[in-house]
Amino acid sequence: MAVLDRLARQLAAAESWRADGRCCADVALAAARGLQLVLLKPRRLMNLNGLSVASAAEIYDLRPADIYLVHDDLDKALGKVAVKLGGSARGHNGVRSCISALQSNEMTRLRVGIGRPEGDVTVSSYVLAPFSAGEQERLEQVLAQAATFLLKHILRRAPMRDPGDGLT
């Protein structure tokens, strides 16, 4: 969600977040080079957030291939960001929920590394814990990098616009 907050700021849409009860999420609409973007922060439990994504997809007439899921990734070190095109949930319950609710695995994923817990810390307590002071220092850079990477990827994949369609 912090990546989406950063992206909304980059797109001058940070003040447009609104609660949308139809999809149980906070939604911000933004524009980038003629594209209309729907930013969505589900307000359901992680294991049910696919219901919010599927509802928003119906409301905004989006296909699974139009959707980017932004999620944490235990298998990547903090600060590592990667795009994954479709495929399995790889154990991520939020992604699994989206695949189930949309009945598709075609969504593009922006995987933001958070690293694995050390010692006998459980995964659930690790992902819910606040970042350490050292991690907090890197977090702003990581969020900026992830938001910029996400926007560049979206714009690169966007269909070419006809110069006469009024969208630039």
C-alpha atoms as a PDB file:
ATOM      1  CA  MET A   1       0.000   0.000   0.000  1.00  0.00           C
ATOM      2  CA  ALA A   2       2.915   2.295   0.653  1.00  0.00           C
ATOM      3  CA  VAL A   3       4.044   1.842  -2.969  1.00  0.00           C
ATOM      4  CA  LEU A   4       0.578   2.904  -4.154  1.00  0.00           C
ATOM      5  CA  ASP A   5       0.645   5.915  -1.841  1.00  0.00           C
ATOM      6  CA  ARG A   6       3.983   6.900  -3.364  1.00  0.00           C
ATOM      7  CA  LEU A   7       2.686   6.345  -6.904  1.00  0.00           C
ATOM      8  CA  ALA A   8      -0.393   8.459  -6.154  1.00  0.00           C
ATOM      9  CA  ARG A   9       1.917  11.267  -4.991  1.00  0.00           C
ATOM     10  CA  GLN A  10       3.995  10.989  -8.175  1.00  0.00           C
ATOM     11  CA  LEU A  11       0.801  11.241 -10.248  1.00  0.00           C
ATOM     12  CA  ALA A  12      -0.585  14.181  -8.226  1.00  0.00           C
ATOM     13  CA  ALA A  13      -3.472  11.988  -7.038  1.00  0.00           C
ATOM     14  CA  ALA A  14      -2.540  11.635  -3.368  1.00  0.00           C
ATOM     15  CA  GLU A  15      -5.497  13.755  -2.269  1.00  0.00           C
ATOM     16  CA  SER A  16      -7.995  11.783  -4.324  1.00  0.00           C
ATOM     17  CA  TRP A  17      -8.107   8.568  -2.251  1.00  0.00           C
ATOM     18  CA  ARG A  18     -11.738   7.755  -1.413  1.00  0.00           C
ATOM     19  CA  ALA A  19     -13.377   4.832   0.341  1.00  0.00           C
ATOM     20  CA  ASP A  20     -15.439   2.820  -2.130  1.00  0.00           C
ATOM     21  CA  GLY A  21     -17.891   0.508  -0.390  1.00  0.00           C
ATOM     22  CA  ARG A  22     -18.730  -1.247  -3.657  1.00  0.00           C
ATOM     23  CA  CYS A  23     -15.344  -2.946  -3.608  1.00  0.00           C
ATOM     24  CA  CYS A  24     -14.386  -2.511   0.062  1.00  0.00           C
ATOM     25  CA  ALA A  25     -11.260  -0.552  -0.807  1.00  0.00           C
ATOM     26  CA  ASP A  26      -9.722   2.869  -0.991  1.00  0.00           C
ATOM     27  CA  VAL A  27      -9.589   4.037  -4.618  1.00  0.00           C
ATOM     28  CA  ALA A  28      -7.723   6.858  -6.326  1.00  0.00           C
ATOM     29  CA  LEU A  29      -8.066   7.668 -10.006  1.00  0.00           C
ATOM     30  CA  ALA A  30      -5.007   9.028 -11.753  1.00  0.00           C
ATOM     31  CA  ALA A  31      -3.852   9.862 -15.255  1.00  0.00           C
ATOM     32  CA  ALA A  32      -0.473   9.205 -16.824  1.00  0.00           C
ATOM     33  CA  ARG A  33       0.280  10.036 -20.463  1.00  0.00           C
ATOM     34  CA  GLY A  34      -3.345   9.699 -21.462  1.00  0.00           C
ATOM     35  CA  LEU A  35      -3.956   6.494 -19.529  1.00  0.00           C
ATOM     36  CA  GLN A  36      -6.550   6.361 -16.787  1.00  0.00           C
ATOM     37  CA  LEU A  37      -5.241   4.397 -13.813  1.00  0.00           C
ATOM     38  CA  VAL A  38      -7.298   2.975 -10.972  1.00  0.00           C
ATOM     39  CA  LEU A  39      -5.223   2.667  -7.799  1.00  0.00           C
ATOM     40  CA  LEU A  40      -6.788   0.289  -5.304  1.00  0.00           C
ATOM     41  CA  LYS A  41      -5.960  -0.460  -1.674  1.00  0.00           C
ATOM     42  CA  PRO A  42      -8.213  -3.324  -0.501  1.00  0.00           C
ATOM     43  CA  ARG A  43      -9.526  -3.002   3.045  1.00  0.00           C
ATOM     44  CA  ARG A  44     -10.247  -6.692   3.535  1.00  0.00           C
ATOM     45  CA  LEU A  45      -8.019  -9.227   5.240  1.00  0.00           C
ATOM     46  CA  MET A  46      -5.104 -10.292   3.032  1.00  0.00           C
ATOM     47  CA  ASN A  47      -6.650 -13.710   2.397  1.00  0.00           C
ATOM     48  CA  LEU A  48      -9.810 -12.016   1.043  1.00  0.00           C
ATOM     49  CA  ASN A  49      -8.392  -9.030  -0.829  1.00  0.00           C
ATOM     50  CA  GLY A  50      -9.071 -10.715  -4.174  1.00  0.00           C
ATOM     51  CA  LEU A  51     -12.763 -10.003  -3.600  1.00  0.00           C
ATOM     52  CA  SER A  52     -11.985  -6.278  -3.608  1.00  0.00           C
ATOM     53  CA  VAL A  53      -9.838  -6.578  -6.715  1.00  0.00           C
ATOM     54  CA  ALA A  54     -12.494  -8.608  -8.567  1.00  0.00           C
ATOM     55  CA  SER A  55     -15.224  -6.117  -7.610  1.00  0.00           C
ATOM     56  CA  ALA A  56     -13.112  -3.191  -8.793  1.00  0.00           C
ATOM     57  CA  ALA A  57     -12.311  -5.040 -12.026  1.00  0.00           C
ATOM     58  CA  GLU A  58     -16.028  -5.363 -12.688  1.00  0.00           C
ATOM     59  CA  ILE A  59     -16.804  -1.739 -11.732  1.00  0.00           C
ATOM     60  CA  TYR A  60     -13.997  -0.301 -13.879  1.00  0.00           C
ATOM     61  CA  ASP A  61     -14.282  -2.870 -16.693  1.00  0.00           C
ATOM     62  CA  LEU A  62     -10.782  -4.286 -16.267  1.00  0.00           C
ATOM     63  CA  ARG A  63      -9.523  -7.629 -17.500  1.00  0.00           C
ATOM     64  CA  PRO A  64      -7.056  -9.637 -15.387  1.00  0.00           C
ATOM     65  CA  ALA A  65      -4.310  -8.748 -17.887  1.00  0.00           C
ATOM     66  CA  ASP A  66      -4.985  -5.037 -17.138  1.00  0.00           C
ATOM     67  CA  ILE A  67      -4.328  -5.509 -13.424  1.00  0.00           C
ATOM     68  CA  TYR A  68      -1.047  -5.069 -11.582  1.00  0.00           C
ATOM     69  CA  LEU A  69      -0.770  -6.613  -8.126  1.00  0.00           C
ATOM     70  CA  VAL A  70       1.795  -4.961  -5.865  1.00  0.00           C
ATOM     71  CA  HIS A  71       2.912  -7.223  -3.027  1.00  0.00           C
ATOM     72  CA  ASP A  72       5.705  -8.029  -0.648  1.00  0.00           C
ATOM     73  CA  ASP A  73       8.077 -10.879  -1.446  1.00  0.00           C
ATOM     74  CA  LEU A  74       9.920 -12.844   1.202  1.00  0.00           C
ATOM     75  CA  ASP A  75      12.248 -14.381  -1.399  1.00  0.00           C
ATOM     76  CA  LYS A  76      13.750 -11.019  -2.328  1.00  0.00           C
ATOM     77  CA  ALA A  77      15.971  -8.899  -0.125  1.00  0.00           C
ATOM     78  CA  LEU A  78      14.656  -5.536   1.056  1.00  0.00           C
ATOM     79  CA  GLY A  79      14.983  -3.126  -1.810  1.00  0.00           C
ATOM     80  CA  LYS A  80      14.884  -5.660  -4.628  1.00  0.00           C
ATOM     81  CA  VAL A  81      11.982  -5.105  -7.004  1.00  0.00           C
ATOM     82  CA  ALA A  82      10.894  -7.376  -9.853  1.00  0.00           C
ATOM     83  CA  VAL A  83       8.003  -7.811 -12.238  1.00  0.00           C
ATOM     84  CA  LYS A  84       6.404 -11.204 -12.700  1.00  0.00           C
ATOM     85  CA  LEU A  85       4.000 -11.771 -15.557  1.00  0.00           C
ATOM     86  CA  GLY A  86       1.242 -14.178 -14.515  1.00  0.00           C
ATOM     87  CA  GLY A  87       1.914 -17.560 -12.970  1.00  0.00           C
ATOM     88  CA  SER A  88       1.279 -19.020  -9.559  1.00  0.00           C
ATOM     89  CA  ALA A  89       0.854 -17.233  -6.243  1.00  0.00           C
ATOM     90  CA  ARG A  90       4.155 -18.700  -4.991  1.00  0.00           C
ATOM     91  CA  GLY A  91       2.680 -19.059  -1.516  1.00  0.00           C
ATOM     92  CA  HIS A  92       1.443 -15.470  -1.177  1.00  0.00           C
ATOM     93  CA  ASN A  93      -2.087 -15.594   0.248  1.00  0.00           C
ATOM     94  CA  GLY A  94      -3.100 -12.187  -1.116  1.00  0.00           C
ATOM     95  CA  VAL A  95      -2.055 -13.149  -4.644  1.00  0.00           C
ATOM     96  CA  ARG A  96      -3.790 -16.516  -4.225  1.00  0.00           C
ATOM     97  CA  SER A  97      -6.988 -14.680  -3.249  1.00  0.00           C
ATOM     98  CA  CYS A  98      -6.776 -12.500  -6.374  1.00  0.00           C
ATOM     99  CA  ILE A  99      -6.183 -15.486  -8.649  1.00  0.00           C
ATOM    100  CA  SER A 100      -9.174 -17.245  -7.117  1.00  0.00           C
ATOM    101  CA  ALA A 101     -11.543 -14.254  -7.224  1.00  0.00           C
ATOM    102  CA  LEU A 102     -10.601 -13.263 -10.780  1.00  0.00           C
ATOM    103  CA  GLN A 103     -10.431 -16.884 -11.921  1.00  0.00           C
ATOM    104  CA  SER A 104      -7.210 -16.025 -13.702  1.00  0.00           C
ATOM    105  CA  ASN A 105      -3.495 -15.806 -13.067  1.00  0.00           C
ATOM    106  CA  GLU A 106      -2.844 -13.295 -15.870  1.00  0.00           C
ATOM    107  CA  MET A 107      -2.240 -10.335 -13.556  1.00  0.00           C
ATOM    108  CA  THR A 108       1.188  -8.730 -13.624  1.00  0.00           C
ATOM    109  CA  ARG A 109       2.838  -8.593 -10.196  1.00  0.00           C
ATOM    110  CA  LEU A 110       5.252  -6.057  -8.832  1.00  0.00           C
ATOM    111  CA  ARG A 111       7.167  -7.999  -6.218  1.00  0.00           C
ATOM    112  CA  VAL A 112       8.789  -5.803  -3.573  1.00  0.00           C
ATOM    113  CA  GLY A 113      11.420  -7.582  -1.530  1.00  0.00           C
ATOM    114  CA  ILE A 114      11.184  -7.616   2.248  1.00  0.00           C
ATOM    115  CA  GLY A 115      13.575 -10.514   2.940  1.00  0.00           C
ATOM    116  CA  ARG A 116      12.972 -13.538   5.138  1.00  0.00           C
ATOM    117  CA  PRO A 117      12.725 -13.533   8.923  1.00  0.00           C
ATOM    118  CA  GLU A 118      15.792 -14.632  10.823  1.00  0.00           C
ATOM    119  CA  GLY A 119      15.850 -17.074  13.693  1.00  0.00           C
ATOM    120  CA  ASP A 120      12.606 -18.544  14.954  1.00  0.00           C
ATOM    121  CA  VAL A 121      10.394 -15.584  13.978  1.00  0.00           C
ATOM    122  CA  THR A 122       7.218 -16.708  12.226  1.00  0.00           C
ATOM    123  CA  VAL A 123       6.474 -15.375   8.761  1.00  0.00           C
ATOM    124  CA  SER A 124       3.149 -13.888   9.860  1.00  0.00           C
ATOM    125  CA  SER A 125       4.665 -11.943  12.752  1.00  0.00           C
ATOM    126  CA  TYR A 126       7.560 -10.849  10.518  1.00  0.00           C
ATOM    127  CA  VAL A 127       5.374  -9.397   7.749  1.00  0.00           C
ATOM    128  CA  LEU A 128       3.107  -7.645  10.257  1.00  0.00           C
ATOM    129  CA  ALA A 129       5.948  -6.166  12.320  1.00  0.00           C
ATOM    130  CA  PRO A 130       7.096  -2.582  11.740  1.00  0.00           C
ATOM    131  CA  PHE A 131      10.343  -2.081   9.849  1.00  0.00           C
ATOM    132  CA  SER A 132      13.507  -1.797  11.956  1.00  0.00           C
ATOM    133  CA  ALA A 133      15.300   1.551  12.198  1.00  0.00           C
ATOM    134  CA  GLY A 134      17.845   0.439   9.590  1.00  0.00           C
ATOM    135  CA  GLU A 135      15.122  -0.784   7.250  1.00  0.00           C
ATOM    136  CA  GLN A 136      13.153   2.424   7.792  1.00  0.00           C
ATOM    137  CA  GLU A 137      16.119   4.425   6.494  1.00  0.00           C
ATOM    138  CA  ARG A 138      16.060   2.460   3.216  1.00  0.00           C
ATOM    139  CA  LEU A 139      12.291   2.400   2.937  1.00  0.00           C
ATOM    140  CA  GLU A 140      11.824   5.801   1.256  1.00  0.00           C
ATOM    141  CA  GLN A 141      14.309   4.876  -1.450  1.00  0.00           C
ATOM    142  CA  VAL A 142      12.684   1.451  -1.909  1.00  0.00           C
ATOM    143  CA  LEU A 143       9.178   2.961  -2.199  1.00  0.00           C
ATOM    144  CA  ALA A 144      10.312   5.584  -4.703  1.00  0.00           C
ATOM    145  CA  GLN A 145      12.136   2.950  -6.764  1.00  0.00           C
ATOM    146  CA  ALA A 146       9.147   0.578  -6.721  1.00  0.00           C
ATOM    147  CA  ALA A 147       6.610   3.277  -7.670  1.00  0.00           C
ATOM    148  CA  THR A 148       8.784   4.565 -10.512  1.00  0.00           C
ATOM    149  CA  PHE A 149       9.466   1.036 -11.756  1.00  0.00           C
ATOM    150  CA  LEU A 150       5.743   0.224 -11.659  1.00  0.00           C
ATOM    151  CA  LEU A 151       4.736   3.337 -13.601  1.00  0.00           C
ATOM    152  CA  LYS A 152       7.427   2.808 -16.240  1.00  0.00           C
ATOM    153  CA  HIS A 153       6.281  -0.792 -16.706  1.00  0.00           C
ATOM    154  CA  ILE A 154       2.630   0.240 -17.049  1.00  0.00           C
ATOM    155  CA  LEU A 155       3.473   2.930 -19.599  1.00  0.00           C
ATOM    156  CA  ARG A 156       5.717   0.576 -21.612  1.00  0.00           C
ATOM    157  CA  ARG A 157       2.934  -2.030 -21.840  1.00  0.00           C
ATOM    158  CA  ALA A 158       0.200   0.477 -22.664  1.00  0.00           C
ATOM    159  CA  PRO A 159      -1.240   0.224 -26.157  1.00  0.00           C
ATOM    160  CA  MET A 160      -0.072   2.849 -28.609  1.00  0.00           C
ATOM    161  CA  ARG A 161      -2.520   5.751 -28.831  1.00  0.00           C
ATOM    162  CA  ASP A 162      -3.756   7.225 -32.074  1.00  0.00           C
ATOM    163  CA  PRO A 163      -2.474  10.844 -32.239  1.00  0.00           C
ATOM    164  CA  GLY A 164      -5.987  11.928 -33.234  1.00  0.00           C
ATOM    165  CA  ASP A 165      -7.704  10.415 -30.192  1.00  0.00           C
ATOM    166  CA  GLY A 166      -6.988  13.421 -27.965  1.00  0.00           C
ATOM    167  CA  LEU A 167      -4.864  11.379 -25.530  1.00  0.00           C
ATOM    168  CA  THR A 168      -1.247  12.442 -25.150  1.00  0.00           C
END
